Amino acid sequence: MASTLASHLSNDEILRYSRHLLIPEFGIEGQRKLKAARVLTVGAGGLGSPVGLYLAAAGVGTIGIVDFDVVDFTNLQRQVIHSTADVGRPKLESARETLRGINPEVEIVGYETKLTSENALEILRGYDLVVDGTDNFPTRYLVNDACVLSGIPNVYASIFRFEGQASVLALPDGPCYRCWYPEPPPPGLVPSCAEGGVLGVLPGLMGLIQATEAIKLITGIGEPLKNRVLLFDALGMRFRELKLRKNPECPVCGANPSIRELIDYQEFCGIRGEEAPAPAAAAEAAEIIEIGARQLAEELRGAAPPLVLDVREPHEVAIACIPGAVLIPLGELEKRLHELDRKADIVAQCRSGVRSMKAARLLREAGFTRLRNLKGGILAWSDEVDPTVPKY
């Protein structure tokens, strides 16, 4: 029996994976299962990096990667599959090259596209499981529903600042993401890593948990993170678990599902589409005038300069700021309106223009009338006015 099983692995592969083969519970049979497996990773970023690296090193036969982004300098602090030389390259191209360098025996299938309701089921077809490395709620719900409808396990993780969570979802008799979160949070309530930051090592640790769960599912060893959510606190270096139950009334995996096909997840999460803004959202944004960085610089040099209201956090101002800007963090703005002159010409400013638009709308609702938003935030100021201002 052993010699028959061994014939499915070359001598080079037996040598490469010998430390796996020496584990009695794993052995040649486990390695053969890895070689025959097909795993799809959604994202080649913070979570997708360690997942891809270790699944390739472990000998997973086919690794699919869905990613349409390019490598940015801000990625390098945590997305270890990419190097400084890769900045500006498609992440898919960079990841494929790195994984082939680790293990040329592994087949890398790339999908340089955004995962959508139109292509998700076709992309997932033929894979044994999906590893979710996404960082936004619409795609998270999309991955979940596609996995449930396709009958494919979803190895999930998410990260923020110093905390992470992981679970194995969409198993036949286990809960899915909608059992856990039936409804998404209101848009803007949960900041992204780009807005709130993340400790660089955290996605490495959570991604390794995902890779571990994927290997366990493929080989059938151990106990998967089913009906459980693993929570990690990096500052306290503590793990804890929460119970997660399948919801019999879940709209996608319950006894009588109402969701039988993929939906519009941007709309479901209350986020206006990039190509077709919702009329109400477009009208609301149109009421706030945007000003470019160059024009603001010219006005600040004039006789009656506007008040630049910086609504970022103090630790962000320590990184980069526009000279003379008044700092009132967005979370404190409503309580500190009395500090602002209601007749003043105010330009709201943040990192990229998102939080400052929220601030401008809040000010408008409070009765302020001379309001503008700095388009592109301090990142645009660095690009167009003062390149010595650091970008982050």
Protein backbone atom coordinates (compact mmCIF):
# COMPACT_ATOMS: atom_id res chain seq x y z
CA MET A 1 0.00 0.00 0.00
CA ALA A 2 2.73 2.45 1.00
CA SER A 3 4.72 1.91 -2.18
CA THR A 4 1.55 2.41 -4.27
CA LEU A 5 0.80 5.67 -2.49
CA ALA A 6 4.40 6.81 -2.73
CA SER A 7 4.34 6.37 -6.51
CA HIS A 8 2.06 9.40 -6.71
CA LEU A 9 4.87 11.59 -5.35
CA SER A 10 8.19 12.01 -7.14
CA ASN A 11 11.44 11.40 -5.28
CA ASP A 12 12.02 15.15 -5.24
CA GLU A 13 8.59 15.69 -3.72
CA ILE A 14 9.16 13.01 -1.11
CA LEU A 15 12.37 14.78 -0.12
CA ARG A 16 10.74 18.24 -0.15
CA TYR A 17 7.81 17.17 2.02
CA SER A 18 9.69 14.64 4.16
CA ARG A 19 8.91 16.47 7.41
CA HIS A 20 5.22 16.07 6.61
CA LEU A 21 5.63 12.42 5.72
CA LEU A 22 7.27 11.71 9.08
CA ILE A 23 4.12 12.75 10.96
CA PRO A 24 2.12 9.54 11.56
CA GLU A 25 -1.26 11.31 11.39
CA PHE A 26 -0.26 12.99 8.11
CA GLY A 27 2.10 10.75 6.15
CA ILE A 28 2.12 10.14 2.41
CA GLU A 29 -1.68 9.97 2.22
CA GLY A 30 -1.99 13.50 3.65
CA GLN A 31 0.61 14.83 1.22
CA ARG A 32 -1.17 13.21 -1.72
CA LYS A 33 -4.39 14.93 -0.67
CA LEU A 34 -2.60 18.27 -0.60
CA LYS A 35 -1.14 17.66 -4.05
CA ALA A 36 -4.60 16.87 -5.45
CA ALA A 37 -6.28 19.84 -3.73
CA ARG A 38 -7.45 23.06 -5.36
CA VAL A 39 -7.66 26.11 -3.07
CA LEU A 40 -8.89 29.56 -4.08
CA THR A 41 -7.59 32.58 -2.18
CA VAL A 42 -9.54 35.81 -2.54
CA GLY A 43 -6.97 38.58 -2.21
CA ALA A 44 -3.18 38.67 -2.35
CA GLY A 45 -2.80 41.21 0.45
CA GLY A 46 -2.22 41.01 4.19
CA LEU A 47 -4.08 37.73 4.77
CA GLY A 48 -3.54 36.29 1.31
CA SER A 49 0.24 36.68 1.58
CA PRO A 50 0.90 34.16 4.41
CA VAL A 51 -1.88 31.91 3.13
CA GLY A 52 -0.31 31.71 -0.32
CA LEU A 53 3.23 31.32 0.98
CA TYR A 54 2.45 28.45 3.32
CA LEU A 55 -0.02 26.62 1.10
CA ALA A 56 2.55 26.67 -1.69
CA ALA A 57 5.29 25.51 0.66
CA ALA A 58 2.99 22.75 1.97
CA GLY A 59 2.43 21.41 -1.54
CA VAL A 60 -1.18 22.31 -2.33
CA GLY A 61 -1.43 21.27 -5.97
CA THR A 62 -3.41 24.20 -7.35
CA ILE A 63 -3.70 27.65 -5.79
CA GLY A 64 -6.07 30.13 -7.38
CA ILE A 65 -5.65 33.84 -6.60
CA VAL A 66 -8.25 36.55 -7.22
CA ASP A 67 -6.77 40.06 -7.10
CA PHE A 68 -6.91 43.11 -9.38
CA ASP A 69 -4.84 45.56 -7.30
CA VAL A 70 -1.24 46.74 -7.73
CA VAL A 71 1.51 46.72 -5.10
CA ASP A 72 1.82 49.97 -3.16
CA PHE A 73 4.51 51.08 -0.70
CA THR A 74 1.92 51.05 2.09
CA ASN A 75 1.38 47.31 1.47
CA LEU A 76 4.95 46.29 2.25
CA GLN A 77 4.61 46.59 6.05
CA ARG A 78 2.41 43.47 6.11
CA GLN A 79 1.94 41.96 2.64
CA VAL A 80 5.07 39.83 2.73
CA ILE A 81 4.45 38.06 -0.56
CA HIS A 82 5.54 41.30 -2.29
CA SER A 83 8.89 43.12 -2.20
CA THR A 84 10.01 46.71 -2.68
CA ALA A 85 10.93 45.89 -6.27
CA ASP A 86 7.31 44.89 -6.89
CA VAL A 87 5.82 48.34 -6.18
CA GLY A 88 3.65 49.29 -9.12
CA ARG A 89 3.31 45.71 -10.39
CA PRO A 90 0.00 43.83 -10.31
CA LYS A 91 -0.25 41.92 -7.05
CA LEU A 92 -1.27 38.82 -8.97
CA GLU A 93 1.92 38.92 -11.03
CA SER A 94 4.10 39.52 -7.97
CA ALA A 95 2.40 36.77 -5.94
CA ARG A 96 2.64 34.24 -8.76
CA GLU A 97 6.35 34.88 -9.14
CA THR A 98 6.99 34.56 -5.40
CA LEU A 99 5.01 31.33 -5.03
CA ARG A 100 6.66 29.73 -8.03
CA GLY A 101 10.00 30.58 -6.48
CA ILE A 102 8.97 28.81 -3.28
CA ASN A 103 7.54 25.73 -4.98
CA PRO A 104 7.66 25.24 -8.76
CA GLU A 105 5.59 22.05 -8.37
CA VAL A 106 2.49 24.10 -7.49
CA GLU A 107 0.16 25.38 -10.22
CA ILE A 108 -0.83 29.03 -9.74
CA VAL A 109 -4.07 30.11 -11.44
CA GLY A 110 -4.59 33.85 -11.53
CA TYR A 111 -7.80 35.86 -11.86
CA GLU A 112 -6.84 39.50 -12.35
CA THR A 113 -10.35 40.78 -11.82
CA LYS A 114 -12.68 41.99 -9.12
CA LEU A 115 -14.83 39.23 -7.65
CA THR A 116 -18.43 40.09 -8.52
CA SER A 117 -21.88 38.55 -8.45
CA GLU A 118 -21.48 37.93 -12.17
CA ASN A 119 -18.22 35.95 -12.05
CA ALA A 120 -17.95 34.49 -8.53
CA LEU A 121 -19.72 31.18 -9.07
CA GLU A 122 -17.76 30.51 -12.25
CA ILE A 123 -14.44 31.32 -10.57
CA LEU A 124 -15.23 29.13 -7.53
CA ARG A 125 -16.23 26.18 -9.70
CA GLY A 126 -13.84 23.24 -9.30
CA TYR A 127 -12.16 24.44 -6.09
CA ASP A 128 -12.24 22.42 -2.88
CA LEU A 129 -12.33 25.39 -0.53
CA VAL A 130 -12.02 29.16 -0.47
CA VAL A 131 -9.75 31.23 1.79
CA ASP A 132 -11.28 34.67 2.32
CA GLY A 133 -8.63 37.37 2.50
CA THR A 134 -10.96 40.28 1.73
CA ASP A 135 -11.06 43.57 3.64
CA ASN A 136 -14.54 44.90 2.90
CA PHE A 137 -18.07 43.84 3.75
CA PRO A 138 -19.60 43.60 0.25
CA THR A 139 -16.97 41.11 -0.92
CA ARG A 140 -17.12 39.27 2.41
CA TYR A 141 -20.85 38.64 2.00
CA LEU A 142 -20.32 37.79 -1.68
CA VAL A 143 -17.67 35.17 -0.82
CA ASN A 144 -19.91 33.71 1.87
CA ASP A 145 -22.98 33.39 -0.35
CA ALA A 146 -20.97 32.02 -3.27
CA CYS A 147 -19.42 29.39 -1.00
CA VAL A 148 -22.81 28.34 0.41
CA LEU A 149 -24.41 28.16 -3.04
CA SER A 150 -21.41 26.21 -4.38
CA GLY A 151 -21.14 23.87 -1.39
CA ILE A 152 -17.54 24.94 -0.71
CA PRO A 153 -16.07 25.64 2.77
CA ASN A 154 -15.10 29.24 3.53
CA VAL A 155 -11.95 29.68 5.63
CA TYR A 156 -12.50 33.15 7.04
CA ALA A 157 -10.39 35.71 8.89
CA SER A 158 -10.43 39.47 9.43
CA ILE A 159 -8.07 41.94 11.07
CA PHE A 160 -8.10 45.45 12.54
CA ARG A 161 -5.35 47.27 14.41
CA PHE A 162 -4.32 44.73 17.09
CA GLU A 163 -7.19 42.26 16.85
CA GLY A 164 -8.11 39.38 14.57
CA GLN A 165 -10.79 36.74 14.24
CA ALA A 166 -11.03 33.50 12.31
CA SER A 167 -13.51 30.69 11.67
CA VAL A 168 -14.38 27.97 9.18
CA LEU A 169 -17.77 28.74 7.66
CA ALA A 170 -20.19 27.23 5.15
CA LEU A 171 -19.52 23.62 6.06
CA PRO A 172 -22.55 21.42 5.26
CA ASP A 173 -23.87 21.34 8.83
CA GLY A 174 -22.17 24.47 10.13
CA PRO A 175 -22.96 28.19 10.20
CA CYS A 176 -22.13 30.70 7.50
CA TYR A 177 -21.11 34.35 7.76
CA ARG A 178 -24.75 35.47 7.63
CA CYS A 179 -25.54 33.30 10.67
CA TRP A 180 -22.95 35.38 12.48
CA TYR A 181 -23.70 38.76 10.93
CA PRO A 182 -27.21 38.76 9.40
CA GLU A 183 -26.83 42.43 8.46
CA PRO A 184 -23.73 44.48 7.62
CA PRO A 185 -22.80 47.45 9.81
CA PRO A 186 -23.83 50.91 8.60
CA PRO A 187 -21.44 52.27 5.93
CA GLY A 188 -18.46 54.01 7.48
CA LEU A 189 -19.02 52.65 10.99
CA VAL A 190 -16.15 50.14 10.79
CA PRO A 191 -13.00 51.82 9.40
CA SER A 192 -10.82 49.95 6.96
CA CYS A 193 -7.15 49.17 7.60
CA ALA A 194 -6.31 52.15 5.39
CA GLU A 195 -8.27 54.39 7.76
CA GLY A 196 -7.67 52.71 11.13
CA GLY A 197 -4.35 50.96 10.62
CA VAL A 198 -3.21 47.43 11.39
CA LEU A 199 -0.18 45.95 13.15
CA GLY A 200 1.96 44.47 10.40
CA VAL A 201 2.43 41.06 12.00
CA LEU A 202 -1.29 40.56 12.73
CA PRO A 203 -2.37 39.46 9.23
CA GLY A 204 0.62 37.12 9.22
CA LEU A 205 -0.63 35.37 12.31
CA MET A 206 -4.30 35.25 11.23
CA GLY A 207 -3.34 34.19 7.71
CA LEU A 208 -1.32 31.30 9.13
CA ILE A 209 -4.39 30.23 11.09
CA GLN A 210 -6.32 30.22 7.81
CA ALA A 211 -3.60 28.21 6.09
CA THR A 212 -3.60 25.73 8.98
CA GLU A 213 -7.37 25.29 8.78
CA ALA A 214 -7.17 24.82 5.02
CA ILE A 215 -4.57 22.07 5.39
CA LYS A 216 -6.64 20.36 8.09
CA LEU A 217 -9.76 20.44 5.94
CA ILE A 218 -7.91 19.04 2.92
CA THR A 219 -6.20 16.23 4.79
CA GLY A 220 -9.01 15.47 7.23
CA ILE A 221 -6.82 15.76 10.31
CA GLY A 222 -7.65 17.54 13.56
CA GLU A 223 -10.74 19.53 14.49
CA PRO A 224 -11.68 22.48 12.27
CA LEU A 225 -12.82 25.86 13.57
CA LYS A 226 -16.42 24.84 13.01
CA ASN A 227 -19.13 26.39 15.21
CA ARG A 228 -16.39 28.50 16.77
CA VAL A 229 -14.85 31.93 16.27
CA LEU A 230 -11.24 32.31 17.35
CA LEU A 231 -10.48 35.83 18.64
CA PHE A 232 -6.94 37.13 19.02
CA ASP A 233 -5.68 40.16 20.92
CA ALA A 234 -2.08 40.92 19.94
CA LEU A 235 -1.50 43.48 22.71
CA GLY A 236 -2.53 41.04 25.43
CA MET A 237 -1.25 38.01 23.46
CA ARG A 238 -4.49 36.22 24.25
CA PHE A 239 -6.76 33.88 22.33
CA ARG A 240 -10.36 33.23 23.24
CA GLU A 241 -13.28 31.48 21.58
CA LEU A 242 -16.90 32.30 20.93
CA LYS A 243 -19.55 29.73 20.09
CA LEU A 244 -21.17 30.16 16.69
CA ARG A 245 -24.40 28.33 15.88
CA LYS A 246 -26.05 27.67 12.55
CA ASN A 247 -29.17 29.81 12.21
CA PRO A 248 -32.02 27.63 10.95
CA GLU A 249 -33.66 30.79 9.58
CA CYS A 250 -30.53 32.05 7.79
CA PRO A 251 -31.59 33.48 4.40
CA VAL A 252 -28.80 31.67 2.55
CA CYS A 253 -27.92 28.48 4.49
CA GLY A 254 -31.09 27.94 6.54
CA ALA A 255 -33.82 25.35 6.09
CA ASN A 256 -35.82 27.61 3.76
CA PRO A 257 -33.33 29.98 2.13
CA SER A 258 -34.63 33.11 0.45
CA ILE A 259 -31.30 33.87 -1.24
CA ARG A 260 -30.82 31.37 -4.06
CA GLU A 261 -28.58 33.45 -6.28
CA LEU A 262 -25.95 36.14 -5.82
CA ILE A 263 -27.29 39.64 -5.22
CA ASP A 264 -26.02 43.24 -5.44
CA TYR A 265 -23.68 43.33 -2.43
CA GLN A 266 -22.81 47.01 -2.74
CA GLU A 267 -26.50 47.81 -2.39
CA PHE A 268 -26.93 45.23 0.39
CA CYS A 269 -24.15 46.90 2.39
CA GLY A 270 -25.49 50.38 1.69
CA ILE A 271 -22.51 51.45 -0.39
CA ARG A 272 -23.10 53.32 -3.62
CA GLY A 273 -21.61 51.67 -6.69
CA GLU A 274 -18.50 53.10 -8.28
CA GLU A 275 -20.04 53.35 -11.74
CA ALA A 276 -23.65 54.21 -10.91
CA PRO A 277 -24.08 56.31 -7.76
CA ALA A 278 -27.45 56.12 -6.07
CA PRO A 279 -29.41 59.32 -6.82
CA ALA A 280 -29.81 60.29 -3.14
CA ALA A 281 -26.14 59.69 -2.38
CA ALA A 282 -25.05 61.62 -5.47
CA ALA A 283 -27.31 64.55 -4.60
CA GLU A 284 -26.05 64.61 -1.02
CA ALA A 285 -22.42 64.65 -2.14
CA ALA A 286 -23.16 67.34 -4.73
CA GLU A 287 -24.26 69.74 -2.02
CA ILE A 288 -20.73 69.83 -0.64
CA ILE A 289 -18.32 71.62 -2.96
CA GLU A 290 -14.90 70.02 -3.37
CA ILE A 291 -11.73 72.04 -3.71
CA GLY A 292 -8.48 70.81 -5.23
CA ALA A 293 -5.19 70.93 -3.36
CA ARG A 294 -3.61 73.48 -5.70
CA GLN A 295 -6.56 75.84 -5.44
CA LEU A 296 -6.54 75.55 -1.64
CA ALA A 297 -2.83 76.38 -1.58
CA GLU A 298 -3.49 79.51 -3.63
CA GLU A 299 -6.33 80.60 -1.35
CA LEU A 300 -4.22 80.05 1.76
CA ARG A 301 -1.70 82.51 0.33
CA GLY A 302 -4.44 85.10 -0.27
CA ALA A 303 -5.69 87.97 1.87
CA ALA A 304 -8.67 86.07 3.29
CA PRO A 305 -7.58 82.44 3.62
CA PRO A 306 -10.16 79.79 4.53
CA LEU A 307 -10.05 77.84 7.77
CA VAL A 308 -8.66 74.35 7.14
CA LEU A 309 -10.40 71.94 9.52
CA ASP A 310 -8.37 68.74 9.98
CA VAL A 311 -10.71 65.97 11.19
CA ARG A 312 -8.09 63.21 11.49
CA GLU A 313 -6.71 61.78 14.73
CA PRO A 314 -3.80 63.45 16.59
CA HIS A 315 -1.41 60.58 15.81
CA GLU A 316 -2.09 61.14 12.10
CA VAL A 317 -1.32 64.84 12.39
CA ALA A 318 2.02 63.87 13.91
CA ILE A 319 2.81 62.09 10.62
CA ALA A 320 1.79 64.85 8.23
CA CYS A 321 -0.24 68.06 8.31
CA ILE A 322 -1.16 71.20 6.39
CA PRO A 323 0.36 74.22 8.14
CA GLY A 324 -2.17 76.25 10.08
CA ALA A 325 -4.92 73.62 10.00
CA VAL A 326 -7.20 73.40 13.04
CA LEU A 327 -7.47 69.88 14.47
CA ILE A 328 -10.84 68.57 15.66
CA PRO A 329 -11.12 64.79 15.18
CA LEU A 330 -14.30 63.68 13.45
CA GLY A 331 -15.46 61.76 16.53
CA GLU A 332 -15.27 64.94 18.63
CA LEU A 333 -16.63 67.38 16.07
CA GLU A 334 -20.29 67.36 17.11
CA LYS A 335 -19.38 68.24 20.70
CA ARG A 336 -16.92 70.95 19.68
CA LEU A 337 -18.95 72.89 17.13
CA HIS A 338 -18.86 75.90 19.44
CA GLU A 339 -15.14 76.24 18.72
CA LEU A 340 -15.85 77.11 15.08
CA ASP A 341 -17.11 80.39 13.62
CA ARG A 342 -20.36 79.66 11.80
CA LYS A 343 -19.62 82.47 9.35
CA ALA A 344 -16.13 81.22 8.52
CA ASP A 345 -15.12 79.80 5.14
CA ILE A 346 -14.24 76.22 6.15
CA VAL A 347 -12.40 73.58 4.14
CA ALA A 348 -12.64 70.16 5.76
CA GLN A 349 -9.57 67.95 5.36
CA CYS A 350 -8.54 64.39 6.27
CA ARG A 351 -6.26 61.73 4.82
CA SER A 352 -8.08 61.01 1.56
CA GLY A 353 -11.27 63.06 1.62
CA VAL A 354 -13.74 60.52 2.99
CA ARG A 355 -13.90 61.50 6.66
CA SER A 356 -13.75 65.18 5.80
CA MET A 357 -16.82 64.81 3.56
CA LYS A 358 -18.66 63.31 6.54
CA ALA A 359 -17.48 66.25 8.64
CA ALA A 360 -18.68 68.75 6.05
CA ARG A 361 -22.12 67.13 5.99
CA LEU A 362 -22.26 67.23 9.79
CA LEU A 363 -21.37 70.92 9.76
CA ARG A 364 -23.98 71.62 7.11
CA GLU A 365 -26.66 69.92 9.22
CA ALA A 366 -25.55 72.08 12.17
CA GLY A 367 -26.17 75.26 10.18
CA PHE A 368 -22.72 76.03 8.73
CA THR A 369 -23.07 77.32 5.17
CA ARG A 370 -19.60 78.10 3.78
CA LEU A 371 -18.28 74.58 3.48
CA ARG A 372 -15.92 72.80 1.11
CA ASN A 373 -14.10 69.48 1.18
CA LEU A 374 -10.46 69.01 0.21
CA LYS A 375 -10.61 66.47 -2.60
CA GLY A 376 -8.08 63.70 -2.02
CA GLY A 377 -7.13 65.00 1.43
CA ILE A 378 -3.57 65.39 2.55
CA LEU A 379 -2.51 62.69 0.09
CA ALA A 380 -3.48 65.07 -2.73
CA TRP A 381 -1.71 67.91 -0.92
CA SER A 382 1.48 65.83 -0.93
CA ASP A 383 1.06 64.95 -4.62
CA GLU A 384 0.11 68.37 -5.92
CA VAL A 385 1.44 71.01 -3.50
CA ASP A 386 4.20 69.87 -1.15
CA PRO A 387 5.96 66.57 -1.93
CA THR A 388 7.93 66.85 1.34
CA VAL A 389 4.71 66.04 3.22
CA PRO A 390 4.84 62.28 3.96
CA LYS A 391 2.14 60.00 2.57
CA TYR A 392 0.76 57.22 4.72
